[in-house]
Amino acid sequence: MQAETEDAVTASDKRLKSLGEEASRLKKMLLQVEDQLRHFEKENAELKTRSRKISKDILELEKKLQEAETAKRLHEEREMEINAAKKSLEMARIQVRQSVFTV
């Protein structure tokens, strides 16, 4: 019975050592996974910040584009008004010249 008990103690010691090694390996793996998790949480937060900045920049650029398009349209309208005024002025000059020569 003594030999059986000693064998059981030896087997239990081996199992205990094996479980301790397994627990140590799993703790090490858990630490690595937690490190990766922190790394990716940080990276994710940075990407979200960058995405928000890009969205803000896009909105600002769209606003500036709209302002530029409005300015271009107003400039084109002003050019058309100037051209119409020049045409009217030229027509008035022609009429004045014709009236001067007919008198």
C-alpha atoms as a PDB file:
ATOM      1  CA  MET A   1       0.000   0.000   0.000  1.00  0.00           C
ATOM      2  CA  GLN A   2       2.921   2.346   0.701  1.00  0.00           C
ATOM      3  CA  ALA A   3       4.222   1.859  -2.851  1.00  0.00           C
ATOM      4  CA  GLU A   4       0.814   2.586  -4.330  1.00  0.00           C
ATOM      5  CA  THR A   5       0.511   5.730  -2.272  1.00  0.00           C
ATOM      6  CA  GLU A   6       3.994   6.882  -3.297  1.00  0.00           C
ATOM      7  CA  ASP A   7       3.116   6.174  -6.940  1.00  0.00           C
ATOM      8  CA  ALA A   8      -0.095   8.162  -6.520  1.00  0.00           C
ATOM      9  CA  VAL A   9       1.862  11.040  -4.925  1.00  0.00           C
ATOM     10  CA  THR A  10       4.412  10.944  -7.784  1.00  0.00           C
ATOM     11  CA  ALA A  11       1.639  10.912 -10.387  1.00  0.00           C
ATOM     12  CA  SER A  12      -0.134  13.731  -8.569  1.00  0.00           C
ATOM     13  CA  ASP A  13       3.104  15.749  -8.414  1.00  0.00           C
ATOM     14  CA  LYS A  14       3.632  15.234 -12.158  1.00  0.00           C
ATOM     15  CA  ARG A  15       0.045  16.254 -12.891  1.00  0.00           C
ATOM     16  CA  LEU A  16       0.379  19.270 -10.601  1.00  0.00           C
ATOM     17  CA  LYS A  17       3.641  20.284 -12.314  1.00  0.00           C
ATOM     18  CA  SER A  18       2.073  19.755 -15.748  1.00  0.00           C
ATOM     19  CA  LEU A  19      -0.988  21.835 -14.819  1.00  0.00           C
ATOM     20  CA  GLY A  20       1.267  24.564 -13.372  1.00  0.00           C
ATOM     21  CA  GLU A  21       3.265  24.647 -16.613  1.00  0.00           C
ATOM     22  CA  GLU A  22       0.035  24.734 -18.635  1.00  0.00           C
ATOM     23  CA  ALA A  23      -1.326  27.557 -16.457  1.00  0.00           C
ATOM     24  CA  SER A  24       1.936  29.470 -16.892  1.00  0.00           C
ATOM     25  CA  ARG A  25       1.834  28.966 -20.677  1.00  0.00           C
ATOM     26  CA  LEU A  26      -1.795  30.095 -20.820  1.00  0.00           C
ATOM     27  CA  LYS A  27      -1.048  33.172 -18.652  1.00  0.00           C
ATOM     28  CA  LYS A  28       1.796  34.091 -21.011  1.00  0.00           C
ATOM     29  CA  MET A  29      -0.522  33.630 -24.002  1.00  0.00           C
ATOM     30  CA  LEU A  30      -3.209  35.720 -22.270  1.00  0.00           C
ATOM     31  CA  LEU A  31      -0.689  38.534 -21.695  1.00  0.00           C
ATOM     32  CA  GLN A  32       0.280  38.430 -25.372  1.00  0.00           C
ATOM     33  CA  VAL A  33      -3.371  38.557 -26.446  1.00  0.00           C
ATOM     34  CA  GLU A  34      -4.048  41.436 -24.033  1.00  0.00           C
ATOM     35  CA  ASP A  35      -1.019  43.300 -25.461  1.00  0.00           C
ATOM     36  CA  GLN A  36      -2.364  42.766 -28.980  1.00  0.00           C
ATOM     37  CA  LEU A  37      -5.804  43.888 -27.830  1.00  0.00           C
ATOM     38  CA  ARG A  38      -4.386  47.133 -26.386  1.00  0.00           C
ATOM     39  CA  HIS A  39      -2.375  47.699 -29.573  1.00  0.00           C
ATOM     40  CA  PHE A  40      -5.426  47.240 -31.803  1.00  0.00           C
ATOM     41  CA  GLU A  41      -7.658  49.322 -29.524  1.00  0.00           C
ATOM     42  CA  LYS A  42      -5.125  52.156 -29.811  1.00  0.00           C
ATOM     43  CA  GLU A  43      -4.847  51.678 -33.582  1.00  0.00           C
ATOM     44  CA  ASN A  44      -8.641  51.584 -33.899  1.00  0.00           C
ATOM     45  CA  ALA A  45      -8.990  54.818 -31.918  1.00  0.00           C
ATOM     46  CA  GLU A  46      -6.356  56.478 -34.131  1.00  0.00           C
ATOM     47  CA  LEU A  47      -8.148  55.303 -37.276  1.00  0.00           C
ATOM     48  CA  LYS A  48     -11.468  56.625 -35.991  1.00  0.00           C
ATOM     49  CA  THR A  49      -9.836  59.975 -35.208  1.00  0.00           C
ATOM     50  CA  ARG A  50      -8.303  60.070 -38.688  1.00  0.00           C
ATOM     51  CA  SER A  51     -11.639  59.123 -40.244  1.00  0.00           C
ATOM     52  CA  ARG A  52     -13.424  61.936 -38.377  1.00  0.00           C
ATOM     53  CA  LYS A  53     -10.746  64.411 -39.515  1.00  0.00           C
ATOM     54  CA  ILE A  54     -11.064  63.252 -43.118  1.00  0.00           C
ATOM     55  CA  SER A  55     -14.858  63.592 -42.926  1.00  0.00           C
ATOM     56  CA  LYS A  56     -14.473  67.101 -41.502  1.00  0.00           C
ATOM     57  CA  ASP A  57     -11.961  67.994 -44.241  1.00  0.00           C
ATOM     58  CA  ILE A  58     -14.336  66.652 -46.902  1.00  0.00           C
ATOM     59  CA  LEU A  59     -17.182  68.789 -45.546  1.00  0.00           C
ATOM     60  CA  GLU A  60     -14.946  71.874 -45.551  1.00  0.00           C
ATOM     61  CA  LEU A  61     -13.757  71.138 -49.094  1.00  0.00           C
ATOM     62  CA  GLU A  62     -17.323  70.582 -50.297  1.00  0.00           C
ATOM     63  CA  LYS A  63     -18.295  73.933 -48.767  1.00  0.00           C
ATOM     64  CA  LYS A  64     -15.333  75.653 -50.453  1.00  0.00           C
ATOM     65  CA  LEU A  65     -16.188  73.954 -53.749  1.00  0.00           C
ATOM     66  CA  GLN A  66     -19.771  75.154 -53.469  1.00  0.00           C
ATOM     67  CA  GLU A  67     -18.533  78.682 -52.699  1.00  0.00           C
ATOM     68  CA  ALA A  68     -16.175  78.525 -55.691  1.00  0.00           C
ATOM     69  CA  GLU A  69     -18.974  77.304 -57.965  1.00  0.00           C
ATOM     70  CA  THR A  70     -21.201  80.140 -56.736  1.00  0.00           C
ATOM     71  CA  ALA A  71     -18.403  82.663 -57.297  1.00  0.00           C
ATOM     72  CA  LYS A  72     -17.811  81.258 -60.791  1.00  0.00           C
ATOM     73  CA  ARG A  73     -21.516  81.471 -61.619  1.00  0.00           C
ATOM     74  CA  LEU A  74     -21.694  85.060 -60.341  1.00  0.00           C
ATOM     75  CA  HIS A  75     -18.563  85.931 -62.320  1.00  0.00           C
ATOM     76  CA  GLU A  76     -20.062  84.431 -65.479  1.00  0.00           C
ATOM     77  CA  GLU A  77     -23.313  86.329 -64.902  1.00  0.00           C
ATOM     78  CA  ARG A  78     -21.351  89.542 -64.360  1.00  0.00           C
ATOM     79  CA  GLU A  79     -19.377  88.899 -67.560  1.00  0.00           C
ATOM     80  CA  MET A  80     -22.634  88.405 -69.453  1.00  0.00           C
ATOM     81  CA  GLU A  81     -23.977  91.669 -68.002  1.00  0.00           C
ATOM     82  CA  ILE A  82     -20.769  93.480 -68.963  1.00  0.00           C
ATOM     83  CA  ASN A  83     -20.902  92.049 -72.489  1.00  0.00           C
ATOM     84  CA  ALA A  84     -24.570  93.051 -72.808  1.00  0.00           C
ATOM     85  CA  ALA A  85     -23.725  96.550 -71.563  1.00  0.00           C
ATOM     86  CA  LYS A  86     -20.844  96.795 -74.050  1.00  0.00           C
ATOM     87  CA  LYS A  87     -23.173  95.706 -76.834  1.00  0.00           C
ATOM     88  CA  SER A  88     -25.768  98.288 -75.778  1.00  0.00           C
ATOM     89  CA  LEU A  89     -23.087 100.966 -75.607  1.00  0.00           C
ATOM     90  CA  GLU A  90     -21.824 100.054 -79.065  1.00  0.00           C
ATOM     91  CA  MET A  91     -25.370 100.114 -80.446  1.00  0.00           C
ATOM     92  CA  ALA A  92     -25.923 103.532 -78.848  1.00  0.00           C
ATOM     93  CA  ARG A  93     -22.686 104.812 -80.405  1.00  0.00           C
ATOM     94  CA  ILE A  94     -23.756 103.539 -83.792  1.00  0.00           C
ATOM     95  CA  GLN A  95     -27.132 105.242 -83.423  1.00  0.00           C
ATOM     96  CA  VAL A  96     -25.473 108.496 -82.327  1.00  0.00           C
ATOM     97  CA  ARG A  97     -23.105 108.372 -85.310  1.00  0.00           C
ATOM     98  CA  GLN A  98     -25.958 107.654 -87.684  1.00  0.00           C
ATOM     99  CA  SER A  99     -28.028 110.499 -86.269  1.00  0.00           C
ATOM    100  CA  VAL A 100     -25.065 112.865 -86.555  1.00  0.00           C
ATOM    101  CA  PHE A 101     -24.574 111.971 -90.222  1.00  0.00           C
ATOM    102  CA  THR A 102     -28.268 112.222 -91.078  1.00  0.00           C
ATOM    103  CA  VAL A 103     -28.688 115.682 -89.673  1.00  0.00           C
END
